[in-house]
Amino acid sequence: MIKAIIVDDEFNAIKNLKWEIERFCGDVKVLDTFTDPVEAISAINYLKPDCVFLDIEMPEMDGFEMLNTLKYRSFDLIITSAYDNYAIKAFRQHAMDYLLKPVDSDDLIEAIDRIR
């Protein structure tokens, strides 16, 4: 079982991604979801997920700033963004994959296959 956390400032994006995961990736358990990156930092450091789905553009703190404040970084990172211009920076942060929103189920399955 792959334990995952979703961080995105848009509730509908979280809802859609969680639905895609539950429908197409039965061995992925979403431990929690967060719209606030500060809350997500505490949860990631405490829960130590296997995978984090992370949006980049968030109002208080962007996804890259959030990554830089984490103590626990032993997870596979999947960036979820509506914009493709962060891809190079994402891979420099050791992202396993970069999924454009709305997330396509085939792309999601392929990203999870890489984690497996």
PDB file of N, CA and C in Angstrom:
ATOM      1  N   MET A   1       0.839  -1.187   0.000  1.00  0.00           N
ATOM      2  CA  MET A   1       0.000   0.000   0.000  1.00  0.00           C
ATOM      3  C   MET A   1       0.884   1.249   0.000  1.00  0.00           C
ATOM      4  N   ILE A   2       0.629   2.140  -0.934  1.00  0.00           N
ATOM      5  CA  ILE A   2       1.342   3.411  -1.029  1.00  0.00           C
ATOM      6  C   ILE A   2       0.533   4.460  -0.273  1.00  0.00           C
ATOM      7  N   LYS A   3       1.154   5.054   0.745  1.00  0.00           N
ATOM      8  CA  LYS A   3       0.494   6.087   1.553  1.00  0.00           C
ATOM      9  C   LYS A   3       0.785   7.453   0.934  1.00  0.00           C
ATOM     10  N   ALA A   4      -0.286   8.213   0.652  1.00  0.00           N
ATOM     11  CA  ALA A   4      -0.127   9.488  -0.048  1.00  0.00           C
ATOM     12  C   ALA A   4      -0.791  10.636   0.697  1.00  0.00           C
ATOM     13  N   ILE A   5      -0.286  11.830   0.425  1.00  0.00           N
ATOM     14  CA  ILE A   5      -0.872  13.085   0.900  1.00  0.00           C
ATOM     15  C   ILE A   5      -1.022  13.991  -0.316  1.00  0.00           C
ATOM     16  N   ILE A   6      -2.135  14.716  -0.357  1.00  0.00           N
ATOM     17  CA  ILE A   6      -2.392  15.670  -1.441  1.00  0.00           C
ATOM     18  C   ILE A   6      -2.362  17.082  -0.859  1.00  0.00           C
ATOM     19  N   VAL A   7      -1.598  17.974  -1.503  1.00  0.00           N
ATOM     20  CA  VAL A   7      -1.529  19.372  -1.078  1.00  0.00           C
ATOM     21  C   VAL A   7      -1.867  20.251  -2.282  1.00  0.00           C
ATOM     22  N   ASP A   8      -2.957  20.991  -2.158  1.00  0.00           N
ATOM     23  CA  ASP A   8      -3.409  21.868  -3.242  1.00  0.00           C
ATOM     24  C   ASP A   8      -4.320  22.919  -2.625  1.00  0.00           C
ATOM     25  N   ASP A   9      -4.193  24.160  -3.020  1.00  0.00           N
ATOM     26  CA  ASP A   9      -5.035  25.213  -2.446  1.00  0.00           C
ATOM     27  C   ASP A   9      -6.459  25.197  -2.999  1.00  0.00           C
ATOM     28  N   GLU A  10      -6.705  24.417  -4.040  1.00  0.00           N
ATOM     29  CA  GLU A  10      -8.043  24.342  -4.637  1.00  0.00           C
ATOM     30  C   GLU A  10      -8.743  23.055  -4.191  1.00  0.00           C
ATOM     31  N   PHE A  11      -9.837  23.214  -3.455  1.00  0.00           N
ATOM     32  CA  PHE A  11     -10.560  22.057  -2.932  1.00  0.00           C
ATOM     33  C   PHE A  11     -11.045  21.140  -4.053  1.00  0.00           C
ATOM     34  N   ASN A  12     -11.532  21.716  -5.156  1.00  0.00           N
ATOM     35  CA  ASN A  12     -12.024  20.880  -6.260  1.00  0.00           C
ATOM     36  C   ASN A  12     -10.909  20.063  -6.905  1.00  0.00           C
ATOM     37  N   ALA A  13      -9.713  20.624  -6.975  1.00  0.00           N
ATOM     38  CA  ALA A  13      -8.570  19.875  -7.525  1.00  0.00           C
ATOM     39  C   ALA A  13      -8.241  18.687  -6.624  1.00  0.00           C
ATOM     40  N   ILE A  14      -8.299  18.896  -5.318  1.00  0.00           N
ATOM     41  CA  ILE A  14      -8.069  17.792  -4.365  1.00  0.00           C
ATOM     42  C   ILE A  14      -9.131  16.728  -4.546  1.00  0.00           C
ATOM     43  N   LYS A  15     -10.379  17.159  -4.603  1.00  0.00           N
ATOM     44  CA  LYS A  15     -11.496  16.217  -4.746  1.00  0.00           C
ATOM     45  C   LYS A  15     -11.358  15.381  -6.018  1.00  0.00           C
ATOM     46  N   ASN A  16     -11.023  16.032  -7.126  1.00  0.00           N
ATOM     47  CA  ASN A  16     -10.876  15.326  -8.405  1.00  0.00           C
ATOM     48  C   ASN A  16      -9.698  14.350  -8.384  1.00  0.00           C
ATOM     49  N   LEU A  17      -8.560  14.787  -7.848  1.00  0.00           N
ATOM     50  CA  LEU A  17      -7.397  13.909  -7.795  1.00  0.00           C
ATOM     51  C   LEU A  17      -7.650  12.720  -6.873  1.00  0.00           C
ATOM     52  N   LYS A  18      -8.272  12.971  -5.752  1.00  0.00           N
ATOM     53  CA  LYS A  18      -8.579  11.880  -4.819  1.00  0.00           C
ATOM     54  C   LYS A  18      -9.504  10.857  -5.487  1.00  0.00           C
ATOM     55  N   TRP A  19     -10.477  11.333  -6.227  1.00  0.00           N
ATOM     56  CA  TRP A  19     -11.393  10.438  -6.944  1.00  0.00           C
ATOM     57  C   TRP A  19     -10.627   9.602  -7.973  1.00  0.00           C
ATOM     58  N   GLU A  20      -9.742  10.241  -8.718  1.00  0.00           N
ATOM     59  CA  GLU A  20      -8.929   9.522  -9.718  1.00  0.00           C
ATOM     60  C   GLU A  20      -8.078   8.443  -9.041  1.00  0.00           C
ATOM     61  N   ILE A  21      -7.461   8.787  -7.938  1.00  0.00           N
ATOM     62  CA  ILE A  21      -6.622   7.831  -7.209  1.00  0.00           C
ATOM     63  C   ILE A  21      -7.463   6.648  -6.736  1.00  0.00           C
ATOM     64  N   GLU A  22      -8.594   6.930  -6.107  1.00  0.00           N
ATOM     65  CA  GLU A  22      -9.446   5.856  -5.586  1.00  0.00           C
ATOM     66  C   GLU A  22      -9.975   4.969  -6.707  1.00  0.00           C
ATOM     67  N   ARG A  23     -10.279   5.546  -7.832  1.00  0.00           N
ATOM     68  CA  ARG A  23     -10.839   4.787  -8.944  1.00  0.00           C
ATOM     69  C   ARG A  23      -9.800   3.971  -9.709  1.00  0.00           C
ATOM     70  N   PHE A  24      -8.614   4.532  -9.927  1.00  0.00           N
ATOM     71  CA  PHE A  24      -7.640   3.899 -10.818  1.00  0.00           C
ATOM     72  C   PHE A  24      -6.382   3.351 -10.137  1.00  0.00           C
ATOM     73  N   CYS A  25      -6.190   3.667  -8.872  1.00  0.00           N
ATOM     74  CA  CYS A  25      -4.965   3.241  -8.170  1.00  0.00           C
ATOM     75  C   CYS A  25      -5.347   2.654  -6.813  1.00  0.00           C
ATOM     76  N   GLY A  26      -5.881   1.456  -6.835  1.00  0.00           N
ATOM     77  CA  GLY A  26      -6.420   0.815  -5.632  1.00  0.00           C
ATOM     78  C   GLY A  26      -5.410   0.578  -4.529  1.00  0.00           C
ATOM     79  N   ASP A  27      -4.121   0.546  -4.860  1.00  0.00           N
ATOM     80  CA  ASP A  27      -3.114   0.306  -3.828  1.00  0.00           C
ATOM     81  C   ASP A  27      -2.533   1.609  -3.269  1.00  0.00           C
ATOM     82  N   VAL A  28      -3.185   2.744  -3.578  1.00  0.00           N
ATOM     83  CA  VAL A  28      -2.778   4.034  -3.031  1.00  0.00           C
ATOM     84  C   VAL A  28      -3.834   4.482  -2.028  1.00  0.00           C
ATOM     85  N   LYS A  29      -3.393   4.740  -0.815  1.00  0.00           N
ATOM     86  CA  LYS A  29      -4.292   5.219   0.237  1.00  0.00           C
ATOM     87  C   LYS A  29      -3.955   6.679   0.516  1.00  0.00           C
ATOM     88  N   VAL A  30      -4.935   7.553   0.341  1.00  0.00           N
ATOM     89  CA  VAL A  30      -4.744   8.968   0.639  1.00  0.00           C
ATOM     90  C   VAL A  30      -4.917   9.149   2.140  1.00  0.00           C
ATOM     91  N   LEU A  31      -3.810   9.416   2.826  1.00  0.00           N
ATOM     92  CA  LEU A  31      -3.835   9.579   4.280  1.00  0.00           C
ATOM     93  C   LEU A  31      -4.560  10.854   4.681  1.00  0.00           C
ATOM     94  N   ASP A  32      -4.326  11.929   3.920  1.00  0.00           N
ATOM     95  CA  ASP A  32      -4.948  13.211   4.238  1.00  0.00           C
ATOM     96  C   ASP A  32      -4.774  14.158   3.062  1.00  0.00           C
ATOM     97  N   THR A  33      -5.543  15.236   3.078  1.00  0.00           N
ATOM     98  CA  THR A  33      -5.452  16.270   2.057  1.00  0.00           C
ATOM     99  C   THR A  33      -5.357  17.625   2.756  1.00  0.00           C
ATOM    100  N   PHE A  34      -4.677  18.567   2.099  1.00  0.00           N
ATOM    101  CA  PHE A  34      -4.470  19.878   2.704  1.00  0.00           C
ATOM    102  C   PHE A  34      -4.585  20.981   1.669  1.00  0.00           C
ATOM    103  N   THR A  35      -5.289  22.057   2.046  1.00  0.00           N
ATOM    104  CA  THR A  35      -5.320  23.261   1.225  1.00  0.00           C
ATOM    105  C   THR A  35      -4.332  24.285   1.769  1.00  0.00           C
ATOM    106  N   ASP A  36      -3.851  24.076   2.979  1.00  0.00           N
ATOM    107  CA  ASP A  36      -2.905  24.977   3.634  1.00  0.00           C
ATOM    108  C   ASP A  36      -1.532  24.315   3.700  1.00  0.00           C
ATOM    109  N   PRO A  37      -0.537  24.863   2.997  1.00  0.00           N
ATOM    110  CA  PRO A  37       0.785  24.240   2.989  1.00  0.00           C
ATOM    111  C   PRO A  37       1.444  24.181   4.368  1.00  0.00           C
ATOM    112  N   VAL A  38       1.161  25.132   5.242  1.00  0.00           N
ATOM    113  CA  VAL A  38       1.748  25.114   6.582  1.00  0.00           C
ATOM    114  C   VAL A  38       1.251  23.897   7.365  1.00  0.00           C
ATOM    115  N   GLU A  39      -0.042  23.617   7.266  1.00  0.00           N
ATOM    116  CA  GLU A  39      -0.591  22.415   7.907  1.00  0.00           C
ATOM    117  C   GLU A  39      -0.016  21.155   7.273  1.00  0.00           C
ATOM    118  N   ALA A  40       0.170  21.194   5.968  1.00  0.00           N
ATOM    119  CA  ALA A  40       0.714  20.034   5.255  1.00  0.00           C
ATOM    120  C   ALA A  40       2.129  19.709   5.720  1.00  0.00           C
ATOM    121  N   ILE A  41       2.923  20.716   5.993  1.00  0.00           N
ATOM    122  CA  ILE A  41       4.299  20.497   6.453  1.00  0.00           C
ATOM    123  C   ILE A  41       4.303  19.654   7.719  1.00  0.00           C
ATOM    124  N   SER A  42       3.494  20.034   8.683  1.00  0.00           N
ATOM    125  CA  SER A  42       3.426  19.282   9.946  1.00  0.00           C
ATOM    126  C   SER A  42       2.982  17.852   9.703  1.00  0.00           C
ATOM    127  N   ALA A  43       1.973  17.695   8.868  1.00  0.00           N
ATOM    128  CA  ALA A  43       1.438  16.357   8.602  1.00  0.00           C
ATOM    129  C   ALA A  43       2.446  15.472   7.884  1.00  0.00           C
ATOM    130  N   ILE A  44       3.136  16.019   6.912  1.00  0.00           N
ATOM    131  CA  ILE A  44       4.125  15.236   6.166  1.00  0.00           C
ATOM    132  C   ILE A  44       5.264  14.813   7.092  1.00  0.00           C
ATOM    133  N   ASN A  45       5.736  15.746   7.905  1.00  0.00           N
ATOM    134  CA  ASN A  45       6.810  15.416   8.843  1.00  0.00           C
ATOM    135  C   ASN A  45       6.367  14.358   9.854  1.00  0.00           C
ATOM    136  N   TYR A  46       5.097  14.363  10.225  1.00  0.00           N
ATOM    137  CA  TYR A  46       4.584  13.421  11.219  1.00  0.00           C
ATOM    138  C   TYR A  46       4.170  12.077  10.596  1.00  0.00           C
ATOM    139  N   LEU A  47       3.411  12.129   9.497  1.00  0.00           N
ATOM    140  CA  LEU A  47       2.852  10.906   8.901  1.00  0.00           C
ATOM    141  C   LEU A  47       3.848  10.143   8.024  1.00  0.00           C
ATOM    142  N   LYS A  48       4.856  10.848   7.527  1.00  0.00           N
ATOM    143  CA  LYS A  48       5.889  10.236   6.682  1.00  0.00           C
ATOM    144  C   LYS A  48       5.286   9.404   5.531  1.00  0.00           C
ATOM    145  N   PRO A  49       4.589  10.084   4.628  1.00  0.00           N
ATOM    146  CA  PRO A  49       3.966   9.375   3.500  1.00  0.00           C
ATOM    147  C   PRO A  49       4.999   8.829   2.523  1.00  0.00           C
ATOM    148  N   ASP A  50       4.548   7.899   1.692  1.00  0.00           N
ATOM    149  CA  ASP A  50       5.395   7.361   0.622  1.00  0.00           C
ATOM    150  C   ASP A  50       5.401   8.283  -0.586  1.00  0.00           C
ATOM    151  N   CYS A  51       4.326   9.063  -0.728  1.00  0.00           N
ATOM    152  CA  CYS A  51       4.126   9.887  -1.915  1.00  0.00           C
ATOM    153  C   CYS A  51       3.396  11.171  -1.525  1.00  0.00           C
ATOM    154  N   VAL A  52       3.807  12.282  -2.132  1.00  0.00           N
ATOM    155  CA  VAL A  52       3.111  13.557  -1.944  1.00  0.00           C
ATOM    156  C   VAL A  52       2.763  14.111  -3.318  1.00  0.00           C
ATOM    157  N   PHE A  53       1.482  14.400  -3.502  1.00  0.00           N
ATOM    158  CA  PHE A  53       0.995  15.103  -4.689  1.00  0.00           C
ATOM    159  C   PHE A  53       0.957  16.576  -4.302  1.00  0.00           C
ATOM    160  N   LEU A  54       1.714  17.409  -4.998  1.00  0.00           N
ATOM    161  CA  LEU A  54       1.898  18.792  -4.574  1.00  0.00           C
ATOM    162  C   LEU A  54       1.634  19.777  -5.693  1.00  0.00           C
ATOM    163  N   ASP A  55       0.744  20.721  -5.412  1.00  0.00           N
ATOM    164  CA  ASP A  55       0.516  21.849  -6.310  1.00  0.00           C
ATOM    165  C   ASP A  55       1.644  22.857  -6.098  1.00  0.00           C
ATOM    166  N   ILE A  56       1.947  23.644  -7.084  1.00  0.00           N
ATOM    167  CA  ILE A  56       3.017  24.634  -6.959  1.00  0.00           C
ATOM    168  C   ILE A  56       2.468  26.004  -6.575  1.00  0.00           C
ATOM    169  N   GLU A  57       1.515  26.509  -7.327  1.00  0.00           N
ATOM    170  CA  GLU A  57       1.006  27.862  -7.067  1.00  0.00           C
ATOM    171  C   GLU A  57      -0.058  27.834  -5.978  1.00  0.00           C
ATOM    172  N   MET A  58       0.357  28.299  -4.791  1.00  0.00           N
ATOM    173  CA  MET A  58      -0.559  28.415  -3.652  1.00  0.00           C
ATOM    174  C   MET A  58      -0.327  29.786  -3.040  1.00  0.00           C
ATOM    175  N   PRO A  59      -1.350  30.401  -2.453  1.00  0.00           N
ATOM    176  CA  PRO A  59      -1.233  31.796  -2.030  1.00  0.00           C
ATOM    177  C   PRO A  59      -0.224  32.084  -0.906  1.00  0.00           C
ATOM    178  N   GLU A  60      -0.248  31.352   0.172  1.00  0.00           N
ATOM    179  CA  GLU A  60       0.632  31.671   1.305  1.00  0.00           C
ATOM    180  C   GLU A  60       2.087  31.301   1.049  1.00  0.00           C
ATOM    181  N   MET A  61       2.270  30.139   0.454  1.00  0.00           N
ATOM    182  CA  MET A  61       3.604  29.581   0.266  1.00  0.00           C
ATOM    183  C   MET A  61       3.522  28.673  -0.954  1.00  0.00           C
ATOM    184  N   ASP A  62       4.430  28.840  -1.906  1.00  0.00           N
ATOM    185  CA  ASP A  62       4.344  27.954  -3.067  1.00  0.00           C
ATOM    186  C   ASP A  62       4.912  26.576  -2.724  1.00  0.00           C
ATOM    187  N   GLY A  63       4.680  25.635  -3.601  1.00  0.00           N
ATOM    188  CA  GLY A  63       5.083  24.257  -3.349  1.00  0.00           C
ATOM    189  C   GLY A  63       6.582  24.092  -3.158  1.00  0.00           C
ATOM    190  N   PHE A  64       7.377  24.860  -3.879  1.00  0.00           N
ATOM    191  CA  PHE A  64       8.831  24.757  -3.738  1.00  0.00           C
ATOM    192  C   PHE A  64       9.285  25.272  -2.378  1.00  0.00           C
ATOM    193  N   GLU A  65       8.691  26.364  -1.920  1.00  0.00           N
ATOM    194  CA  GLU A  65       9.006  26.866  -0.571  1.00  0.00           C
ATOM    195  C   GLU A  65       8.620  25.833   0.477  1.00  0.00           C
ATOM    196  N   MET A  66       7.469  25.199   0.279  1.00  0.00           N
ATOM    197  CA  MET A  66       7.024  24.178   1.214  1.00  0.00           C
ATOM    198  C   MET A  66       8.028  23.029   1.281  1.00  0.00           C
ATOM    199  N   LEU A  67       8.472  22.571   0.128  1.00  0.00           N
ATOM    200  CA  LEU A  67       9.454  21.475   0.086  1.00  0.00           C
ATOM    201  C   LEU A  67      10.720  21.841   0.857  1.00  0.00           C
ATOM    202  N   ASN A  68      11.147  23.085   0.734  1.00  0.00           N
ATOM    203  CA  ASN A  68      12.382  23.513   1.390  1.00  0.00           C
ATOM    204  C   ASN A  68      12.268  23.611   2.906  1.00  0.00           C
ATOM    205  N   THR A  69      11.061  23.615   3.440  1.00  0.00           N
ATOM    206  CA  THR A  69      10.880  23.694   4.893  1.00  0.00           C
ATOM    207  C   THR A  69      10.634  22.327   5.538  1.00  0.00           C
ATOM    208  N   LEU A  70      10.487  21.302   4.721  1.00  0.00           N
ATOM    209  CA  LEU A  70      10.217  19.963   5.259  1.00  0.00           C
ATOM    210  C   LEU A  70      11.463  19.351   5.892  1.00  0.00           C
ATOM    211  N   LYS A  71      11.261  18.665   7.010  1.00  0.00           N
ATOM    212  CA  LYS A  71      12.337  17.871   7.615  1.00  0.00           C
ATOM    213  C   LYS A  71      12.360  16.480   6.986  1.00  0.00           C
ATOM    214  N   TYR A  72      11.170  15.942   6.703  1.00  0.00           N
ATOM    215  CA  TYR A  72      11.044  14.607   6.110  1.00  0.00           C
ATOM    216  C   TYR A  72      10.926  14.754   4.600  1.00  0.00           C
ATOM    217  N   ARG A  73      11.878  14.202   3.846  1.00  0.00           N
ATOM    218  CA  ARG A  73      11.835  14.284   2.386  1.00  0.00           C
ATOM    219  C   ARG A  73      11.986  12.922   1.719  1.00  0.00           C
ATOM    220  N   SER A  74      11.765  11.852   2.462  1.00  0.00           N
ATOM    221  CA  SER A  74      11.927  10.502   1.900  1.00  0.00           C
ATOM    222  C   SER A  74      10.627  10.001   1.293  1.00  0.00           C
ATOM    223  N   PHE A  75      10.076  10.779   0.399  1.00  0.00           N
ATOM    224  CA  PHE A  75       8.854  10.389  -0.292  1.00  0.00           C
ATOM    225  C   PHE A  75       9.023  10.665  -1.772  1.00  0.00           C
ATOM    226  N   ASP A  76       8.196   9.991  -2.558  1.00  0.00           N
ATOM    227  CA  ASP A  76       8.170  10.260  -3.995  1.00  0.00           C
ATOM    228  C   ASP A  76       7.273  11.472  -4.223  1.00  0.00           C
ATOM    229  N   LEU A  77       7.781  12.433  -4.949  1.00  0.00           N
ATOM    230  CA  LEU A  77       7.078  13.684  -5.197  1.00  0.00           C
ATOM    231  C   LEU A  77       6.446  13.665  -6.577  1.00  0.00           C
ATOM    232  N   ILE A  78       5.148  13.963  -6.618  1.00  0.00           N
ATOM    233  CA  ILE A  78       4.446  14.136  -7.887  1.00  0.00           C
ATOM    234  C   ILE A  78       3.853  15.544  -7.879  1.00  0.00           C
ATOM    235  N   ILE A  79       4.324  16.360  -8.786  1.00  0.00           N
ATOM    236  CA  ILE A  79       3.819  17.729  -8.898  1.00  0.00           C
ATOM    237  C   ILE A  79       2.527  17.695  -9.706  1.00  0.00           C
ATOM    238  N   THR A  80       1.521  18.419  -9.222  1.00  0.00           N
ATOM    239  CA  THR A  80       0.266  18.584  -9.963  1.00  0.00           C
ATOM    240  C   THR A  80       0.085  20.092 -10.165  1.00  0.00           C
ATOM    241  N   SER A  81       0.029  20.505 -11.411  1.00  0.00           N
ATOM    242  CA  SER A  81      -0.045  21.934 -11.694  1.00  0.00           C
ATOM    243  C   SER A  81      -0.844  22.181 -12.967  1.00  0.00           C
ATOM    244  N   ALA A  82      -1.474  23.335 -13.020  1.00  0.00           N
ATOM    245  CA  ALA A  82      -2.172  23.738 -14.238  1.00  0.00           C
ATOM    246  C   ALA A  82      -1.194  24.349 -15.243  1.00  0.00           C
ATOM    247  N   TYR A  83       0.053  24.546 -14.805  1.00  0.00           N
ATOM    248  CA  TYR A  83       1.051  25.223 -15.638  1.00  0.00           C
ATOM    249  C   TYR A  83       2.243  24.307 -15.887  1.00  0.00           C
ATOM    250  N   ASP A  84       2.740  24.316 -17.113  1.00  0.00           N
ATOM    251  CA  ASP A  84       3.879  23.457 -17.430  1.00  0.00           C
ATOM    252  C   ASP A  84       5.225  24.148 -17.223  1.00  0.00           C
ATOM    253  N   ASN A  85       5.228  25.425 -16.885  1.00  0.00           N
ATOM    254  CA  ASN A  85       6.481  26.168 -16.785  1.00  0.00           C
ATOM    255  C   ASN A  85       7.303  25.865 -15.527  1.00  0.00           C
ATOM    256  N   TYR A  86       6.807  25.025 -14.630  1.00  0.00           N
ATOM    257  CA  TYR A  86       7.562  24.663 -13.430  1.00  0.00           C
ATOM    258  C   TYR A  86       8.243  23.305 -13.559  1.00  0.00           C
ATOM    259  N   ALA A  87       8.120  22.667 -14.689  1.00  0.00           N
ATOM    260  CA  ALA A  87       8.593  21.285 -14.841  1.00  0.00           C
ATOM    261  C   ALA A  87      10.085  21.129 -14.556  1.00  0.00           C
ATOM    262  N   ILE A  88      10.914  21.972 -15.110  1.00  0.00           N
ATOM    263  CA  ILE A  88      12.360  21.832 -14.902  1.00  0.00           C
ATOM    264  C   ILE A  88      12.703  21.996 -13.424  1.00  0.00           C
ATOM    265  N   LYS A  89      12.142  23.004 -12.796  1.00  0.00           N
ATOM    266  CA  LYS A  89      12.388  23.219 -11.363  1.00  0.00           C
ATOM    267  C   LYS A  89      11.867  22.036 -10.542  1.00  0.00           C
ATOM    268  N   ALA A  90      10.754  21.465 -10.960  1.00  0.00           N
ATOM    269  CA  ALA A  90      10.191  20.307 -10.253  1.00  0.00           C
ATOM    270  C   ALA A  90      11.138  19.115 -10.305  1.00  0.00           C
ATOM    271  N   PHE A  91      11.697  18.862 -11.458  1.00  0.00           N
ATOM    272  CA  PHE A  91      12.616  17.721 -11.581  1.00  0.00           C
ATOM    273  C   PHE A  91      13.930  17.979 -10.851  1.00  0.00           C
ATOM    274  N   ARG A  92      14.307  19.233 -10.715  1.00  0.00           N
ATOM    275  CA  ARG A  92      15.480  19.564  -9.896  1.00  0.00           C
ATOM    276  C   ARG A  92      15.203  19.312  -8.416  1.00  0.00           C
ATOM    277  N   GLN A  93      13.932  19.311  -8.053  1.00  0.00           N
ATOM    278  CA  GLN A  93      13.517  18.975  -6.685  1.00  0.00           C
ATOM    279  C   GLN A  93      13.268  17.476  -6.548  1.00  0.00           C
ATOM    280  N   HIS A  94      13.697  16.719  -7.549  1.00  0.00           N
ATOM    281  CA  HIS A  94      13.593  15.255  -7.571  1.00  0.00           C
ATOM    282  C   HIS A  94      12.155  14.759  -7.679  1.00  0.00           C
ATOM    283  N   ALA A  95      11.319  15.499  -8.401  1.00  0.00           N
ATOM    284  CA  ALA A  95       9.947  15.040  -8.633  1.00  0.00           C
ATOM    285  C   ALA A  95       9.972  13.755  -9.461  1.00  0.00           C
ATOM    286  N   MET A  96       9.138  12.822  -9.065  1.00  0.00           N
ATOM    287  CA  MET A  96       9.007  11.553  -9.785  1.00  0.00           C
ATOM    288  C   MET A  96       8.224  11.781 -11.086  1.00  0.00           C
ATOM    289  N   ASP A  97       7.261  12.706 -11.018  1.00  0.00           N
ATOM    290  CA  ASP A  97       6.453  13.001 -12.204  1.00  0.00           C
ATOM    291  C   ASP A  97       5.859  14.392 -12.075  1.00  0.00           C
ATOM    292  N   TYR A  98       5.305  14.877 -13.179  1.00  0.00           N
ATOM    293  CA  TYR A  98       4.700  16.201 -13.264  1.00  0.00           C
ATOM    294  C   TYR A  98       3.388  16.027 -14.005  1.00  0.00           C
ATOM    295  N   LEU A  99       2.277  16.149 -13.295  1.00  0.00           N
ATOM    296  CA  LEU A  99       0.960  15.946 -13.891  1.00  0.00           C
ATOM    297  C   LEU A  99       0.263  17.277 -14.085  1.00  0.00           C
ATOM    298  N   LEU A 100      -0.183  17.524 -15.309  1.00  0.00           N
ATOM    299  CA  LEU A 100      -0.934  18.744 -15.591  1.00  0.00           C
ATOM    300  C   LEU A 100      -2.394  18.558 -15.205  1.00  0.00           C
ATOM    301  N   LYS A 101      -2.963  19.604 -14.600  1.00  0.00           N
ATOM    302  CA  LYS A 101      -4.377  19.580 -14.228  1.00  0.00           C
ATOM    303  C   LYS A 101      -5.214  19.998 -15.425  1.00  0.00           C
ATOM    304  N   PRO A 102      -6.385  19.442 -15.598  1.00  0.00           N
ATOM    305  CA  PRO A 102      -6.931  18.335 -14.812  1.00  0.00           C
ATOM    306  C   PRO A 102      -6.137  17.059 -15.083  1.00  0.00           C
ATOM    307  N   VAL A 103      -5.901  16.303 -14.024  1.00  0.00           N
ATOM    308  CA  VAL A 103      -5.062  15.112 -14.111  1.00  0.00           C
ATOM    309  C   VAL A 103      -5.742  14.041 -14.949  1.00  0.00           C
ATOM    310  N   ASP A 104      -5.006  13.550 -15.922  1.00  0.00           N
ATOM    311  CA  ASP A 104      -5.477  12.477 -16.791  1.00  0.00           C
ATOM    312  C   ASP A 104      -5.226  11.144 -16.091  1.00  0.00           C
ATOM    313  N   SER A 105      -6.209  10.255 -16.097  1.00  0.00           N
ATOM    314  CA  SER A 105      -6.084   8.980 -15.385  1.00  0.00           C
ATOM    315  C   SER A 105      -4.922   8.136 -15.899  1.00  0.00           C
ATOM    316  N   ASP A 106      -4.673   8.136 -17.206  1.00  0.00           N
ATOM    317  CA  ASP A 106      -3.546   7.363 -17.748  1.00  0.00           C
ATOM    318  C   ASP A 106      -2.211   7.902 -17.237  1.00  0.00           C
ATOM    319  N   ASP A 107      -2.083   9.221 -17.153  1.00  0.00           N
ATOM    320  CA  ASP A 107      -0.853   9.826 -16.629  1.00  0.00           C
ATOM    321  C   ASP A 107      -0.682   9.496 -15.143  1.00  0.00           C
ATOM    322  N   LEU A 108      -1.774   9.521 -14.411  1.00  0.00           N
ATOM    323  CA  LEU A 108      -1.731   9.174 -12.987  1.00  0.00           C
ATOM    324  C   LEU A 108      -1.281   7.727 -12.793  1.00  0.00           C
ATOM    325  N   ILE A 109      -1.871   6.821 -13.542  1.00  0.00           N
ATOM    326  CA  ILE A 109      -1.515   5.398 -13.446  1.00  0.00           C
ATOM    327  C   ILE A 109      -0.035   5.203 -13.761  1.00  0.00           C
ATOM    328  N   GLU A 110       0.456   5.884 -14.788  1.00  0.00           N
ATOM    329  CA  GLU A 110       1.863   5.777 -15.168  1.00  0.00           C
ATOM    330  C   GLU A 110       2.777   6.305 -14.056  1.00  0.00           C
ATOM    331  N   ALA A 111       2.391   7.403 -13.421  1.00  0.00           N
ATOM    332  CA  ALA A 111       3.196   7.961 -12.328  1.00  0.00           C
ATOM    333  C   ALA A 111       3.244   7.011 -11.146  1.00  0.00           C
ATOM    334  N   ILE A 112       2.117   6.417 -10.811  1.00  0.00           N
ATOM    335  CA  ILE A 112       2.078   5.467  -9.691  1.00  0.00           C
ATOM    336  C   ILE A 112       2.863   4.200 -10.035  1.00  0.00           C
ATOM    337  N   ASP A 113       2.803   3.780 -11.284  1.00  0.00           N
ATOM    338  CA  ASP A 113       3.617   2.621 -11.707  1.00  0.00           C
ATOM    339  C   ASP A 113       5.106   2.884 -11.483  1.00  0.00           C
ATOM    340  N   ARG A 114       5.561   4.110 -11.730  1.00  0.00           N
ATOM    341  CA  ARG A 114       6.966   4.454 -11.496  1.00  0.00           C
ATOM    342  C   ARG A 114       7.320   4.335 -10.007  1.00  0.00           C
ATOM    343  N   ILE A 115       6.403   4.729  -9.158  1.00  0.00           N
ATOM    344  CA  ILE A 115       6.635   4.634  -7.709  1.00  0.00           C
ATOM    345  C   ILE A 115       6.721   3.174  -7.273  1.00  0.00           C
ATOM    346  N   ARG A 116       5.847   2.365  -7.821  1.00  0.00           N
ATOM    347  CA  ARG A 116       5.854   0.936  -7.458  1.00  0.00           C
ATOM    348  C   ARG A 116       7.198   0.331  -7.781  1.00  0.00           C
TER     349      ARG A 116
END
